Amino acid sequence: MARVRTHISSIRVGGQLEKVLEGTRNMVHWKKKRKSKTPHLIFQFLVVAPNEHQIEDARRLAKEVGADEIQFKTAQIYDFVNGSDLMPKNEKILEVCTARKREVQTEKPDA
């Protein structure tokens, strides 16, 4: 989780992962206490070059906090000729970027 924390501030200016995780855990706690199926909690992870190696960490973190599902998204990159430092190096993820669309890959954290 420390690696996820390291990159969040470089991607989301002013982002405070601990605050997000605390709020998520609080929602999971009350959801369980009330034996409710809602709200459906989605953990989203924006995959960019500096953090593409953290996908497994994100999966573990989503499971740890009790999210119902995790979604992996790619950044919207418009300059395909010159590229971007945010473009992932992983070929599968890169295909999505060069196709000029934003992909959402959804899965259950247990998967």
Protein backbone atom coordinates (compact mmCIF):
# COMPACT_ATOMS: atom_id res chain seq x y z
CA MET A 1 0.00 0.00 0.00
CA ALA A 2 2.93 2.34 0.56
CA ARG A 3 3.68 2.24 -3.17
CA VAL A 4 0.09 3.21 -3.98
CA ARG A 5 0.39 6.10 -1.51
CA THR A 6 3.63 7.26 -3.15
CA HIS A 7 2.04 7.81 -6.54
CA ILE A 8 -1.40 9.13 -5.59
CA SER A 9 -0.10 12.61 -4.82
CA SER A 10 1.63 12.80 -8.21
CA ILE A 11 -1.57 11.84 -10.05
CA ARG A 12 -4.28 13.47 -7.95
CA VAL A 13 -3.02 16.87 -6.75
CA GLY A 14 -3.99 17.25 -3.11
CA GLY A 15 -5.14 13.63 -3.00
CA GLN A 16 -5.10 12.05 0.45
CA LEU A 17 -5.31 8.28 0.13
CA GLU A 18 -5.62 7.74 3.88
CA LYS A 19 -8.69 9.99 4.01
CA VAL A 20 -10.29 8.09 1.12
CA LEU A 21 -9.53 4.72 2.72
CA GLU A 22 -10.88 5.87 6.09
CA GLY A 23 -14.13 7.00 4.46
CA THR A 24 -14.41 3.76 2.51
CA ARG A 25 -13.86 1.64 5.61
CA ASN A 26 -16.48 3.70 7.42
CA MET A 27 -19.03 3.09 4.65
CA VAL A 28 -18.20 -0.65 4.61
CA HIS A 29 -18.60 -0.78 8.39
CA TRP A 30 -22.09 0.78 8.31
CA LYS A 31 -23.11 -1.22 5.27
CA LYS A 32 -22.28 -4.45 7.14
CA LYS A 33 -23.81 -3.26 10.38
CA ARG A 34 -27.09 -2.50 8.61
CA LYS A 35 -26.82 -5.71 6.54
CA SER A 36 -27.34 -3.62 3.41
CA LYS A 37 -26.34 -4.34 -0.18
CA THR A 38 -26.07 -0.61 -0.85
CA PRO A 39 -24.18 1.50 -1.48
CA HIS A 40 -22.27 -0.53 -4.06
CA LEU A 41 -18.66 0.50 -3.44
CA ILE A 42 -16.37 0.77 -6.47
CA PHE A 43 -12.61 1.19 -6.03
CA GLN A 44 -11.22 2.97 -9.11
CA PHE A 45 -7.58 2.87 -10.15
CA LEU A 46 -6.29 5.13 -12.92
CA VAL A 47 -3.52 3.21 -14.70
CA VAL A 48 -0.69 5.42 -15.98
CA ALA A 49 3.00 4.74 -16.60
CA PRO A 50 4.20 5.71 -13.10
CA ASN A 51 1.80 3.29 -11.40
CA GLU A 52 1.04 0.52 -13.90
CA HIS A 53 3.20 -1.86 -11.85
CA GLN A 54 0.83 -1.37 -8.89
CA ILE A 55 -2.23 -3.09 -10.34
CA GLU A 56 -1.87 -6.07 -7.98
CA ASP A 57 -1.38 -3.69 -5.02
CA ALA A 58 -4.61 -1.94 -6.01
CA ARG A 59 -6.46 -5.27 -6.17
CA ARG A 60 -5.23 -6.18 -2.69
CA LEU A 61 -6.14 -2.75 -1.33
CA ALA A 62 -9.67 -2.90 -2.78
CA LYS A 63 -10.18 -6.28 -1.14
CA GLU A 64 -8.66 -5.07 2.14
CA VAL A 65 -11.02 -2.09 2.44
CA GLY A 66 -14.05 -4.17 1.45
CA ALA A 67 -14.93 -2.68 -1.94
CA ASP A 68 -17.59 -4.50 -3.95
CA GLU A 69 -15.60 -4.18 -7.18
CA ILE A 70 -12.52 -2.56 -8.63
CA GLN A 71 -12.32 -0.65 -11.90
CA PHE A 72 -9.12 0.01 -13.82
CA LYS A 73 -9.19 3.04 -16.08
CA THR A 74 -6.67 4.52 -18.47
CA ALA A 75 -5.95 8.22 -18.79
CA GLN A 76 -7.33 10.18 -21.70
CA ILE A 77 -4.29 11.02 -23.83
CA TYR A 78 -4.81 13.20 -26.87
CA ASP A 79 -1.30 13.62 -28.32
CA PHE A 80 -0.64 10.20 -29.83
CA VAL A 81 2.03 11.48 -32.23
CA ASN A 82 4.34 12.78 -29.52
CA GLY A 83 3.12 10.45 -26.80
CA SER A 84 2.92 11.24 -23.12
CA ASP A 85 4.83 10.32 -19.98
CA LEU A 86 1.51 9.02 -18.69
CA MET A 87 1.13 6.41 -21.42
CA PRO A 88 1.55 2.97 -19.85
CA LYS A 89 4.40 0.79 -21.13
CA ASN A 90 2.36 -2.41 -20.85
CA GLU A 91 1.22 -3.28 -24.38
CA LYS A 92 -2.30 -4.33 -23.37
CA ILE A 93 -2.92 -1.07 -21.54
CA LEU A 94 -1.15 0.94 -24.25
CA GLU A 95 -3.51 -0.47 -26.91
CA VAL A 96 -6.41 1.13 -25.08
CA CYS A 97 -4.63 4.51 -25.02
CA THR A 98 -3.75 4.44 -28.69
CA ALA A 99 -7.28 3.41 -29.62
CA ARG A 100 -8.26 6.85 -28.30
CA LYS A 101 -10.77 5.56 -25.85
CA ARG A 102 -10.93 5.21 -22.12
CA GLU A 103 -11.37 1.64 -21.01
CA VAL A 104 -12.90 0.49 -17.79
CA GLN A 105 -11.99 -3.00 -16.68
CA THR A 106 -14.23 -4.10 -13.84
CA GLU A 107 -13.72 -7.07 -11.57
CA LYS A 108 -14.52 -8.27 -8.08
CA PRO A 109 -11.64 -7.74 -5.63
CA ASP A 110 -11.69 -11.47 -4.79
CA ALA A 111 -10.80 -12.36 -8.41
